[in-house]
């Protein structure tokens, strides 16, 4: 009898995401074990408990998933798990806190596709504004867009200081260049939108960060993408199913991408990375860069 495929989920939060459990089982894992309130210094011992108990053959049918909400902590936990491996006892590890890595990857890949399709362009030199950019999805999207060549501004609708802290951490950790900006007032948004070519709305569900009135001032806008599927829309006028639909309230040449269009790519990416873990002969260590590579394939 073949040994089952087991996925161990480590999260520093109180609960494990049901979404991640469903995705893992649908991808082919036979069982999912959850560990909550996990501290960084506990990751190594949990990892070694997982790898030494199954033998060289069983270890190939074992995986670790890192959840949570903090992308920096998730990256540290992935590194801690990797450092605890003792070949040939080595398993694949996939970090995707709050689905931020796969969602951000899907969002940036979807925008890249529309830049190419609707404007025969890419991210190189484009002015990108990320609204609600201090959360995990916004931060990961900022790193990916900046890495693709964009000039990225991270905005907070509550505090410039939050934007500054997020930008500094992203720049220092991932070697990119992003700029923090405030977007707490209509005047600030007007000034920012006058220069913006791509806007990404990554605020929490149910928060509208741009109205049609705001968009009317975005004379250079090419693409607007919104990950919020809970009414009201993060960007007024962008439908959840939109995937390159004309955005009438903006520059006249802008297209919109909605949450479900992004979510479709995100779903495919997360499932594909789980399947790579299941099928791989060698241990894989997967983060937002691997998610982006996969998202580009599905968005092509």
C-alpha atoms as a PDB file:
ATOM      1  CA  UNK A   1       0.000   0.000   0.000  1.00  0.00           C
ATOM      2  CA  UNK A   2       1.353   3.385  -1.013  1.00  0.00           C
ATOM      3  CA  UNK A   3       1.826   5.964   1.681  1.00  0.00           C
ATOM      4  CA  UNK A   4      -0.604   8.908   1.646  1.00  0.00           C
ATOM      5  CA  UNK A   5       0.313  12.399   0.563  1.00  0.00           C
ATOM      6  CA  UNK A   6       0.360  14.569   3.699  1.00  0.00           C
ATOM      7  CA  UNK A   7       0.524  18.369   3.834  1.00  0.00           C
ATOM      8  CA  UNK A   8       1.464  20.107   7.084  1.00  0.00           C
ATOM      9  CA  UNK A   9       0.229  23.706   7.338  1.00  0.00           C
ATOM     10  CA  UNK A  10       2.113  26.046   9.678  1.00  0.00           C
ATOM     11  CA  UNK A  11       0.504  29.388  10.462  1.00  0.00           C
ATOM     12  CA  UNK A  12       1.293  32.049  13.083  1.00  0.00           C
ATOM     13  CA  UNK A  13      -2.394  32.977  13.163  1.00  0.00           C
ATOM     14  CA  UNK A  14      -5.174  31.495  15.263  1.00  0.00           C
ATOM     15  CA  UNK A  15      -6.858  29.739  12.357  1.00  0.00           C
ATOM     16  CA  UNK A  16      -5.770  27.992   9.182  1.00  0.00           C
ATOM     17  CA  UNK A  17      -7.435  29.221   6.000  1.00  0.00           C
ATOM     18  CA  UNK A  18     -10.220  26.871   4.828  1.00  0.00           C
ATOM     19  CA  UNK A  19      -9.412  28.029   1.288  1.00  0.00           C
ATOM     20  CA  UNK A  20      -5.883  26.621   1.564  1.00  0.00           C
ATOM     21  CA  UNK A  21      -7.131  23.332   3.016  1.00  0.00           C
ATOM     22  CA  UNK A  22      -9.631  22.931   0.169  1.00  0.00           C
ATOM     23  CA  UNK A  23      -7.000  23.764  -2.452  1.00  0.00           C
ATOM     24  CA  UNK A  24      -4.516  21.251  -1.049  1.00  0.00           C
ATOM     25  CA  UNK A  25      -7.034  18.401  -0.952  1.00  0.00           C
ATOM     26  CA  UNK A  26      -8.360  19.238  -4.420  1.00  0.00           C
ATOM     27  CA  UNK A  27      -4.793  19.245  -5.763  1.00  0.00           C
ATOM     28  CA  UNK A  28      -4.254  15.687  -4.572  1.00  0.00           C
ATOM     29  CA  UNK A  29      -3.100  15.642  -0.966  1.00  0.00           C
ATOM     30  CA  UNK A  30      -4.785  12.841   0.993  1.00  0.00           C
ATOM     31  CA  UNK A  31      -4.553  14.541   4.368  1.00  0.00           C
ATOM     32  CA  UNK A  32      -3.895  18.025   5.742  1.00  0.00           C
ATOM     33  CA  UNK A  33      -2.601  18.625   9.272  1.00  0.00           C
ATOM     34  CA  UNK A  34      -2.875  22.144  10.704  1.00  0.00           C
ATOM     35  CA  UNK A  35      -0.633  23.859  13.262  1.00  0.00           C
ATOM     36  CA  UNK A  36      -1.776  27.262  14.506  1.00  0.00           C
ATOM     37  CA  UNK A  37      -0.126  30.025  16.566  1.00  0.00           C
ATOM     38  CA  UNK A  38       3.234  28.771  15.320  1.00  0.00           C
ATOM     39  CA  UNK A  39       6.193  30.945  16.303  1.00  0.00           C
ATOM     40  CA  UNK A  40       9.191  31.379  14.021  1.00  0.00           C
ATOM     41  CA  UNK A  41      11.493  29.567  16.446  1.00  0.00           C
ATOM     42  CA  UNK A  42       9.185  26.527  16.376  1.00  0.00           C
ATOM     43  CA  UNK A  43       9.338  25.984  12.617  1.00  0.00           C
ATOM     44  CA  UNK A  44      12.606  24.031  12.581  1.00  0.00           C
ATOM     45  CA  UNK A  45      11.486  21.470  15.161  1.00  0.00           C
ATOM     46  CA  UNK A  46       8.080  21.011  13.516  1.00  0.00           C
ATOM     47  CA  UNK A  47       9.773  20.543  10.156  1.00  0.00           C
ATOM     48  CA  UNK A  48      12.115  17.884  11.485  1.00  0.00           C
ATOM     49  CA  UNK A  49       9.226  16.096  13.166  1.00  0.00           C
ATOM     50  CA  UNK A  50       7.571  15.947   9.749  1.00  0.00           C
ATOM     51  CA  UNK A  51      10.567  14.746   7.759  1.00  0.00           C
ATOM     52  CA  UNK A  52      12.126  12.135  10.055  1.00  0.00           C
ATOM     53  CA  UNK A  53       8.942  10.192  10.695  1.00  0.00           C
ATOM     54  CA  UNK A  54       8.333   8.892   7.170  1.00  0.00           C
ATOM     55  CA  UNK A  55      11.626   7.606   5.802  1.00  0.00           C
ATOM     56  CA  UNK A  56      13.241   8.513   2.450  1.00  0.00           C
ATOM     57  CA  UNK A  57      10.260   7.248   0.424  1.00  0.00           C
ATOM     58  CA  UNK A  58       7.523   8.720   2.591  1.00  0.00           C
ATOM     59  CA  UNK A  59       9.262  12.063   2.742  1.00  0.00           C
ATOM     60  CA  UNK A  60       8.611  12.498  -0.998  1.00  0.00           C
ATOM     61  CA  UNK A  61       4.893  12.330  -0.187  1.00  0.00           C
ATOM     62  CA  UNK A  62       5.132  15.038   2.458  1.00  0.00           C
ATOM     63  CA  UNK A  63       4.843  18.808   2.064  1.00  0.00           C
ATOM     64  CA  UNK A  64       4.776  21.960   4.188  1.00  0.00           C
ATOM     65  CA  UNK A  65       2.636  25.041   3.567  1.00  0.00           C
ATOM     66  CA  UNK A  66       3.270  28.385   5.294  1.00  0.00           C
ATOM     67  CA  UNK A  67       0.215  30.567   5.946  1.00  0.00           C
ATOM     68  CA  UNK A  68      -0.471  33.621   8.098  1.00  0.00           C
ATOM     69  CA  UNK A  69      -0.850  37.269   7.114  1.00  0.00           C
ATOM     70  CA  UNK A  70       2.633  38.761   7.300  1.00  0.00           C
ATOM     71  CA  UNK A  71       4.634  38.175   4.109  1.00  0.00           C
ATOM     72  CA  UNK A  72       7.942  38.939   5.787  1.00  0.00           C
ATOM     73  CA  UNK A  73       7.275  36.429   8.546  1.00  0.00           C
ATOM     74  CA  UNK A  74       6.119  33.859   5.985  1.00  0.00           C
ATOM     75  CA  UNK A  75       9.396  34.294   4.091  1.00  0.00           C
ATOM     76  CA  UNK A  76      11.333  33.864   7.348  1.00  0.00           C
ATOM     77  CA  UNK A  77       9.346  30.725   8.169  1.00  0.00           C
ATOM     78  CA  UNK A  78      10.051  29.303   4.719  1.00  0.00           C
ATOM     79  CA  UNK A  79      13.774  29.955   5.245  1.00  0.00           C
ATOM     80  CA  UNK A  80      13.620  28.336   8.686  1.00  0.00           C
ATOM     81  CA  UNK A  81      11.945  25.227   7.268  1.00  0.00           C
ATOM     82  CA  UNK A  82      14.486  25.013   4.472  1.00  0.00           C
ATOM     83  CA  UNK A  83      17.343  25.355   6.931  1.00  0.00           C
ATOM     84  CA  UNK A  84      15.971  22.501   9.041  1.00  0.00           C
ATOM     85  CA  UNK A  85      16.132  19.946   6.216  1.00  0.00           C
ATOM     86  CA  UNK A  86      18.618  17.092   6.486  1.00  0.00           C
ATOM     87  CA  UNK A  87      19.032  15.455   3.035  1.00  0.00           C
ATOM     88  CA  UNK A  88      17.806  12.957   1.975  1.00  0.00           C
ATOM     89  CA  UNK A  89      15.068  13.897   4.433  1.00  0.00           C
ATOM     90  CA  UNK A  90      13.879  16.968   2.560  1.00  0.00           C
ATOM     91  CA  UNK A  91      10.342  18.079   1.625  1.00  0.00           C
ATOM     92  CA  UNK A  92       8.848  20.847  -0.480  1.00  0.00           C
ATOM     93  CA  UNK A  93       7.728  24.071   1.226  1.00  0.00           C
ATOM     94  CA  UNK A  94       5.233  26.573  -0.202  1.00  0.00           C
ATOM     95  CA  UNK A  95       4.627  29.996   1.386  1.00  0.00           C
ATOM     96  CA  UNK A  96       1.422  31.867   0.545  1.00  0.00           C
ATOM     97  CA  UNK A  97       0.277  33.959   3.546  1.00  0.00           C
ATOM     98  CA  UNK A  98      -3.413  34.889   3.232  1.00  0.00           C
ATOM     99  CA  UNK A  99      -3.130  33.837  -0.403  1.00  0.00           C
ATOM    100  CA  UNK A 100      -1.167  37.064  -0.875  1.00  0.00           C
ATOM    101  CA  UNK A 101       1.598  35.620  -3.016  1.00  0.00           C
ATOM    102  CA  UNK A 102      -0.682  33.821  -5.463  1.00  0.00           C
ATOM    103  CA  UNK A 103      -3.220  36.677  -5.542  1.00  0.00           C
ATOM    104  CA  UNK A 104      -0.569  39.339  -6.142  1.00  0.00           C
ATOM    105  CA  UNK A 105       1.069  37.173  -8.783  1.00  0.00           C
ATOM    106  CA  UNK A 106      -2.252  36.679 -10.554  1.00  0.00           C
ATOM    107  CA  UNK A 107      -3.067  40.385 -10.368  1.00  0.00           C
ATOM    108  CA  UNK A 108       0.250  41.568 -11.773  1.00  0.00           C
ATOM    109  CA  UNK A 109       0.235  38.892 -14.491  1.00  0.00           C
ATOM    110  CA  UNK A 110      -3.335  39.842 -15.491  1.00  0.00           C
ATOM    111  CA  UNK A 111      -2.346  43.508 -15.756  1.00  0.00           C
ATOM    112  CA  UNK A 112       0.746  42.600 -17.750  1.00  0.00           C
ATOM    113  CA  UNK A 113      -1.474  40.660 -20.167  1.00  0.00           C
ATOM    114  CA  UNK A 114      -3.792  43.657 -20.659  1.00  0.00           C
ATOM    115  CA  UNK A 115      -0.885  46.062 -21.101  1.00  0.00           C
ATOM    116  CA  UNK A 116       0.342  43.815 -23.861  1.00  0.00           C
ATOM    117  CA  UNK A 117      -3.083  43.093 -25.391  1.00  0.00           C
ATOM    118  CA  UNK A 118      -4.725  46.518 -25.194  1.00  0.00           C
ATOM    119  CA  UNK A 119      -1.697  48.796 -25.328  1.00  0.00           C
ATOM    120  CA  UNK A 120       1.127  46.757 -26.904  1.00  0.00           C
ATOM    121  CA  UNK A 121       3.240  47.510 -23.859  1.00  0.00           C
ATOM    122  CA  UNK A 122       4.512  46.089 -20.563  1.00  0.00           C
ATOM    123  CA  UNK A 123       5.455  47.319 -17.088  1.00  0.00           C
ATOM    124  CA  UNK A 124       8.752  48.882 -18.125  1.00  0.00           C
ATOM    125  CA  UNK A 125       8.797  52.494 -16.937  1.00  0.00           C
ATOM    126  CA  UNK A 126       5.066  52.550 -16.189  1.00  0.00           C
ATOM    127  CA  UNK A 127       3.760  54.605 -13.281  1.00  0.00           C
ATOM    128  CA  UNK A 128       1.963  52.154 -10.992  1.00  0.00           C
ATOM    129  CA  UNK A 129      -0.123  53.230  -8.009  1.00  0.00           C
ATOM    130  CA  UNK A 130      -1.103  50.599  -5.433  1.00  0.00           C
ATOM    131  CA  UNK A 131      -4.016  51.721  -3.279  1.00  0.00           C
ATOM    132  CA  UNK A 132      -4.492  49.871  -0.016  1.00  0.00           C
ATOM    133  CA  UNK A 133      -0.921  48.857  -0.668  1.00  0.00           C
ATOM    134  CA  UNK A 134       0.183  48.239   2.912  1.00  0.00           C
ATOM    135  CA  UNK A 135      -1.500  44.837   3.225  1.00  0.00           C
ATOM    136  CA  UNK A 136       0.046  41.516   2.191  1.00  0.00           C
ATOM    137  CA  UNK A 137      -1.388  41.481  -1.348  1.00  0.00           C
ATOM    138  CA  UNK A 138      -0.419  45.098  -1.995  1.00  0.00           C
ATOM    139  CA  UNK A 139       3.104  44.608  -0.718  1.00  0.00           C
ATOM    140  CA  UNK A 140       3.694  41.482  -2.788  1.00  0.00           C
ATOM    141  CA  UNK A 141       2.203  43.167  -5.882  1.00  0.00           C
ATOM    142  CA  UNK A 142       4.488  46.162  -5.343  1.00  0.00           C
ATOM    143  CA  UNK A 143       7.560  43.941  -5.305  1.00  0.00           C
ATOM    144  CA  UNK A 144       6.470  42.046  -8.423  1.00  0.00           C
ATOM    145  CA  UNK A 145       5.549  45.161 -10.418  1.00  0.00           C
ATOM    146  CA  UNK A 146       8.768  46.901  -9.435  1.00  0.00           C
ATOM    147  CA  UNK A 147      10.713  43.802 -10.386  1.00  0.00           C
ATOM    148  CA  UNK A 148       9.022  43.876 -13.798  1.00  0.00           C
ATOM    149  CA  UNK A 149      10.338  47.404 -14.370  1.00  0.00           C
ATOM    150  CA  UNK A 150       7.521  49.635 -13.142  1.00  0.00           C
ATOM    151  CA  UNK A 151       7.845  52.797 -11.080  1.00  0.00           C
ATOM    152  CA  UNK A 152       5.753  51.804  -8.091  1.00  0.00           C
ATOM    153  CA  UNK A 153       4.041  53.985  -5.520  1.00  0.00           C
ATOM    154  CA  UNK A 154       2.599  52.326  -2.427  1.00  0.00           C
ATOM    155  CA  UNK A 155      -0.346  54.291  -1.035  1.00  0.00           C
ATOM    156  CA  UNK A 156      -2.305  54.073   2.180  1.00  0.00           C
ATOM    157  CA  UNK A 157      -5.749  55.650   2.519  1.00  0.00           C
ATOM    158  CA  UNK A 158      -5.250  55.915   6.290  1.00  0.00           C
ATOM    159  CA  UNK A 159      -1.637  56.898   6.956  1.00  0.00           C
ATOM    160  CA  UNK A 160       1.452  57.974   5.032  1.00  0.00           C
ATOM    161  CA  UNK A 161       3.557  56.433   7.800  1.00  0.00           C
ATOM    162  CA  UNK A 162       2.090  52.991   7.086  1.00  0.00           C
ATOM    163  CA  UNK A 163       2.959  53.398   3.422  1.00  0.00           C
ATOM    164  CA  UNK A 164       6.477  54.482   4.334  1.00  0.00           C
ATOM    165  CA  UNK A 165       7.071  51.487   6.583  1.00  0.00           C
ATOM    166  CA  UNK A 166       5.765  49.069   3.944  1.00  0.00           C
ATOM    167  CA  UNK A 167       7.889  50.629   1.209  1.00  0.00           C
ATOM    168  CA  UNK A 168      11.056  50.587   3.296  1.00  0.00           C
ATOM    169  CA  UNK A 169      10.633  46.926   4.242  1.00  0.00           C
ATOM    170  CA  UNK A 170       9.874  45.879   0.647  1.00  0.00           C
ATOM    171  CA  UNK A 171      12.852  47.790  -0.711  1.00  0.00           C
ATOM    172  CA  UNK A 172      15.275  46.477   1.893  1.00  0.00           C
ATOM    173  CA  UNK A 173      14.141  42.862   1.825  1.00  0.00           C
ATOM    174  CA  UNK A 174      13.668  42.346  -1.909  1.00  0.00           C
ATOM    175  CA  UNK A 175      16.050  44.860  -3.459  1.00  0.00           C
ATOM    176  CA  UNK A 176      13.382  46.808  -5.332  1.00  0.00           C
ATOM    177  CA  UNK A 177      12.615  50.511  -5.466  1.00  0.00           C
ATOM    178  CA  UNK A 178       9.146  51.635  -4.384  1.00  0.00           C
ATOM    179  CA  UNK A 179       7.932  55.023  -3.173  1.00  0.00           C
ATOM    180  CA  UNK A 180       5.499  55.611  -0.291  1.00  0.00           C
ATOM    181  CA  UNK A 181       2.705  58.120  -0.848  1.00  0.00           C
ATOM    182  CA  UNK A 182      -0.342  59.331   1.038  1.00  0.00           C
ATOM    183  CA  UNK A 183      -3.817  59.008  -0.455  1.00  0.00           C
ATOM    184  CA  UNK A 184      -5.954  60.102   2.460  1.00  0.00           C
ATOM    185  CA  UNK A 185      -7.505  63.143   0.748  1.00  0.00           C
ATOM    186  CA  UNK A 186      -9.190  63.843  -2.558  1.00  0.00           C
ATOM    187  CA  UNK A 187      -6.461  66.365  -3.387  1.00  0.00           C
ATOM    188  CA  UNK A 188      -3.748  63.755  -2.863  1.00  0.00           C
ATOM    189  CA  UNK A 189      -5.546  61.195  -5.016  1.00  0.00           C
ATOM    190  CA  UNK A 190      -6.056  63.786  -7.753  1.00  0.00           C
ATOM    191  CA  UNK A 191      -2.354  64.551  -7.846  1.00  0.00           C
ATOM    192  CA  UNK A 192      -1.351  60.897  -7.850  1.00  0.00           C
ATOM    193  CA  UNK A 193      -3.864  59.857 -10.497  1.00  0.00           C
ATOM    194  CA  UNK A 194      -2.747  62.582 -12.887  1.00  0.00           C
ATOM    195  CA  UNK A 195       0.489  60.608 -13.385  1.00  0.00           C
ATOM    196  CA  UNK A 196      -0.749  57.055 -12.906  1.00  0.00           C
ATOM    197  CA  UNK A 197      -0.827  54.592 -15.811  1.00  0.00           C
ATOM    198  CA  UNK A 198      -1.698  51.445 -13.840  1.00  0.00           C
ATOM    199  CA  UNK A 199      -3.706  51.377 -10.627  1.00  0.00           C
ATOM    200  CA  UNK A 200      -3.987  48.312  -8.406  1.00  0.00           C
ATOM    201  CA  UNK A 201      -6.668  48.281  -5.703  1.00  0.00           C
ATOM    202  CA  UNK A 202      -5.634  45.899  -2.936  1.00  0.00           C
ATOM    203  CA  UNK A 203      -7.506  47.272   0.076  1.00  0.00           C
ATOM    204  CA  UNK A 204      -9.487  44.951   2.329  1.00  0.00           C
ATOM    205  CA  UNK A 205     -12.859  43.624   1.211  1.00  0.00           C
ATOM    206  CA  UNK A 206     -15.688  46.130   1.059  1.00  0.00           C
ATOM    207  CA  UNK A 207     -13.480  49.245   0.948  1.00  0.00           C
ATOM    208  CA  UNK A 208     -13.788  51.506  -2.091  1.00  0.00           C
ATOM    209  CA  UNK A 209     -10.521  53.303  -2.799  1.00  0.00           C
ATOM    210  CA  UNK A 210     -11.454  54.966  -6.106  1.00  0.00           C
ATOM    211  CA  UNK A 211     -14.733  56.466  -7.266  1.00  0.00           C
ATOM    212  CA  UNK A 212     -15.760  57.335 -10.811  1.00  0.00           C
ATOM    213  CA  UNK A 213     -15.068  60.945  -9.897  1.00  0.00           C
ATOM    214  CA  UNK A 214     -11.489  59.988  -8.999  1.00  0.00           C
ATOM    215  CA  UNK A 215     -11.063  58.014 -12.212  1.00  0.00           C
ATOM    216  CA  UNK A 216     -12.195  60.953 -14.310  1.00  0.00           C
ATOM    217  CA  UNK A 217      -8.946  62.664 -13.320  1.00  0.00           C
ATOM    218  CA  UNK A 218      -6.747  59.752 -14.433  1.00  0.00           C
ATOM    219  CA  UNK A 219      -5.916  61.058 -17.881  1.00  0.00           C
ATOM    220  CA  UNK A 220      -3.020  58.640 -18.468  1.00  0.00           C
ATOM    221  CA  UNK A 221      -4.634  55.504 -17.065  1.00  0.00           C
ATOM    222  CA  UNK A 222      -4.176  52.309 -19.097  1.00  0.00           C
ATOM    223  CA  UNK A 223      -5.238  49.502 -16.730  1.00  0.00           C
ATOM    224  CA  UNK A 224      -7.110  49.378 -13.415  1.00  0.00           C
ATOM    225  CA  UNK A 225      -7.252  46.128 -11.441  1.00  0.00           C
ATOM    226  CA  UNK A 226      -9.290  45.385  -8.310  1.00  0.00           C
ATOM    227  CA  UNK A 227      -9.037  42.313  -6.049  1.00  0.00           C
ATOM    228  CA  UNK A 228     -12.120  43.199  -3.992  1.00  0.00           C
ATOM    229  CA  UNK A 229     -15.076  40.928  -4.747  1.00  0.00           C
ATOM    230  CA  UNK A 230     -17.202  42.227  -1.841  1.00  0.00           C
ATOM    231  CA  UNK A 231     -19.485  45.225  -2.573  1.00  0.00           C
ATOM    232  CA  UNK A 232     -18.784  48.028  -2.949  1.00  0.00           C
ATOM    233  CA  UNK A 233     -16.097  47.511  -5.575  1.00  0.00           C
ATOM    234  CA  UNK A 234     -12.638  48.756  -4.680  1.00  0.00           C
ATOM    235  CA  UNK A 235     -12.676  50.703  -7.952  1.00  0.00           C
ATOM    236  CA  UNK A 236     -16.098  51.989  -8.931  1.00  0.00           C
ATOM    237  CA  UNK A 237     -17.028  50.828 -12.413  1.00  0.00           C
ATOM    238  CA  UNK A 238     -14.835  47.712 -12.460  1.00  0.00           C
ATOM    239  CA  UNK A 239     -16.987  44.587 -12.492  1.00  0.00           C
ATOM    240  CA  UNK A 240     -15.833  41.442 -10.739  1.00  0.00           C
ATOM    241  CA  UNK A 241     -15.862  39.504 -14.042  1.00  0.00           C
ATOM    242  CA  UNK A 242     -14.147  42.207 -16.103  1.00  0.00           C
ATOM    243  CA  UNK A 243     -11.022  41.083 -17.922  1.00  0.00           C
ATOM    244  CA  UNK A 244     -10.048  43.928 -20.189  1.00  0.00           C
ATOM    245  CA  UNK A 245     -13.447  45.635 -20.265  1.00  0.00           C
ATOM    246  CA  UNK A 246     -13.329  49.342 -21.248  1.00  0.00           C
ATOM    247  CA  UNK A 247     -13.360  51.613 -18.214  1.00  0.00           C
ATOM    248  CA  UNK A 248     -15.552  54.489 -19.310  1.00  0.00           C
ATOM    249  CA  UNK A 249     -14.925  56.794 -16.358  1.00  0.00           C
ATOM    250  CA  UNK A 250     -11.176  57.068 -16.897  1.00  0.00           C
ATOM    251  CA  UNK A 251      -8.894  58.200 -19.725  1.00  0.00           C
ATOM    252  CA  UNK A 252     -10.963  56.733 -22.555  1.00  0.00           C
ATOM    253  CA  UNK A 253      -8.298  54.122 -23.266  1.00  0.00           C
ATOM    254  CA  UNK A 254      -8.230  52.325 -19.901  1.00  0.00           C
ATOM    255  CA  UNK A 255      -9.420  48.758 -19.310  1.00  0.00           C
ATOM    256  CA  UNK A 256     -10.503  47.129 -16.073  1.00  0.00           C
ATOM    257  CA  UNK A 257      -9.740  43.789 -14.445  1.00  0.00           C
ATOM    258  CA  UNK A 258     -12.049  42.489 -11.728  1.00  0.00           C
ATOM    259  CA  UNK A 259     -11.607  40.255  -8.720  1.00  0.00           C
ATOM    260  CA  UNK A 260     -12.982  37.057 -10.219  1.00  0.00           C
ATOM    261  CA  UNK A 261     -10.850  37.368 -13.347  1.00  0.00           C
ATOM    262  CA  UNK A 262      -7.820  37.694 -11.084  1.00  0.00           C
ATOM    263  CA  UNK A 263      -9.132  34.946  -8.819  1.00  0.00           C
ATOM    264  CA  UNK A 264      -9.391  32.511 -11.704  1.00  0.00           C
ATOM    265  CA  UNK A 265      -5.655  32.845 -12.350  1.00  0.00           C
ATOM    266  CA  UNK A 266      -4.887  32.740  -8.618  1.00  0.00           C
ATOM    267  CA  UNK A 267      -6.814  29.474  -8.265  1.00  0.00           C
ATOM    268  CA  UNK A 268      -4.913  27.872 -11.146  1.00  0.00           C
ATOM    269  CA  UNK A 269      -1.576  29.063  -9.787  1.00  0.00           C
ATOM    270  CA  UNK A 270      -2.095  27.764  -6.254  1.00  0.00           C
ATOM    271  CA  UNK A 271      -3.321  24.411  -7.494  1.00  0.00           C
ATOM    272  CA  UNK A 272      -0.417  24.141  -9.964  1.00  0.00           C
ATOM    273  CA  UNK A 273       2.173  24.827  -7.256  1.00  0.00           C
ATOM    274  CA  UNK A 274       0.611  22.217  -4.980  1.00  0.00           C
ATOM    275  CA  UNK A 275       0.733  19.745  -7.863  1.00  0.00           C
ATOM    276  CA  UNK A 276       4.388  20.565  -8.504  1.00  0.00           C
ATOM    277  CA  UNK A 277       5.092  19.712  -4.870  1.00  0.00           C
ATOM    278  CA  UNK A 278       3.255  16.419  -5.225  1.00  0.00           C
ATOM    279  CA  UNK A 279       4.980  15.371  -8.444  1.00  0.00           C
ATOM    280  CA  UNK A 280       8.478  16.734  -7.931  1.00  0.00           C
ATOM    281  CA  UNK A 281      11.390  14.396  -7.348  1.00  0.00           C
ATOM    282  CA  UNK A 282      13.357  17.150  -5.622  1.00  0.00           C
ATOM    283  CA  UNK A 283      12.267  19.440  -2.806  1.00  0.00           C
ATOM    284  CA  UNK A 284      10.897  22.803  -3.948  1.00  0.00           C
ATOM    285  CA  UNK A 285      10.853  26.066  -2.000  1.00  0.00           C
ATOM    286  CA  UNK A 286       8.065  28.198  -3.437  1.00  0.00           C
ATOM    287  CA  UNK A 287       7.240  31.858  -2.815  1.00  0.00           C
ATOM    288  CA  UNK A 288       5.741  34.805  -4.733  1.00  0.00           C
ATOM    289  CA  UNK A 289       8.397  34.639  -7.465  1.00  0.00           C
ATOM    290  CA  UNK A 290       7.431  31.068  -8.320  1.00  0.00           C
ATOM    291  CA  UNK A 291       3.761  32.079  -8.146  1.00  0.00           C
ATOM    292  CA  UNK A 292       4.419  34.913 -10.595  1.00  0.00           C
ATOM    293  CA  UNK A 293       6.194  32.626 -13.051  1.00  0.00           C
ATOM    294  CA  UNK A 294       3.183  30.297 -12.969  1.00  0.00           C
ATOM    295  CA  UNK A 295       0.701  33.194 -13.221  1.00  0.00           C
ATOM    296  CA  UNK A 296       2.428  34.466 -16.332  1.00  0.00           C
ATOM    297  CA  UNK A 297       1.881  31.085 -17.959  1.00  0.00           C
ATOM    298  CA  UNK A 298      -1.831  31.049 -17.155  1.00  0.00           C
ATOM    299  CA  UNK A 299      -2.283  34.689 -18.169  1.00  0.00           C
ATOM    300  CA  UNK A 300      -0.473  34.366 -21.487  1.00  0.00           C
END
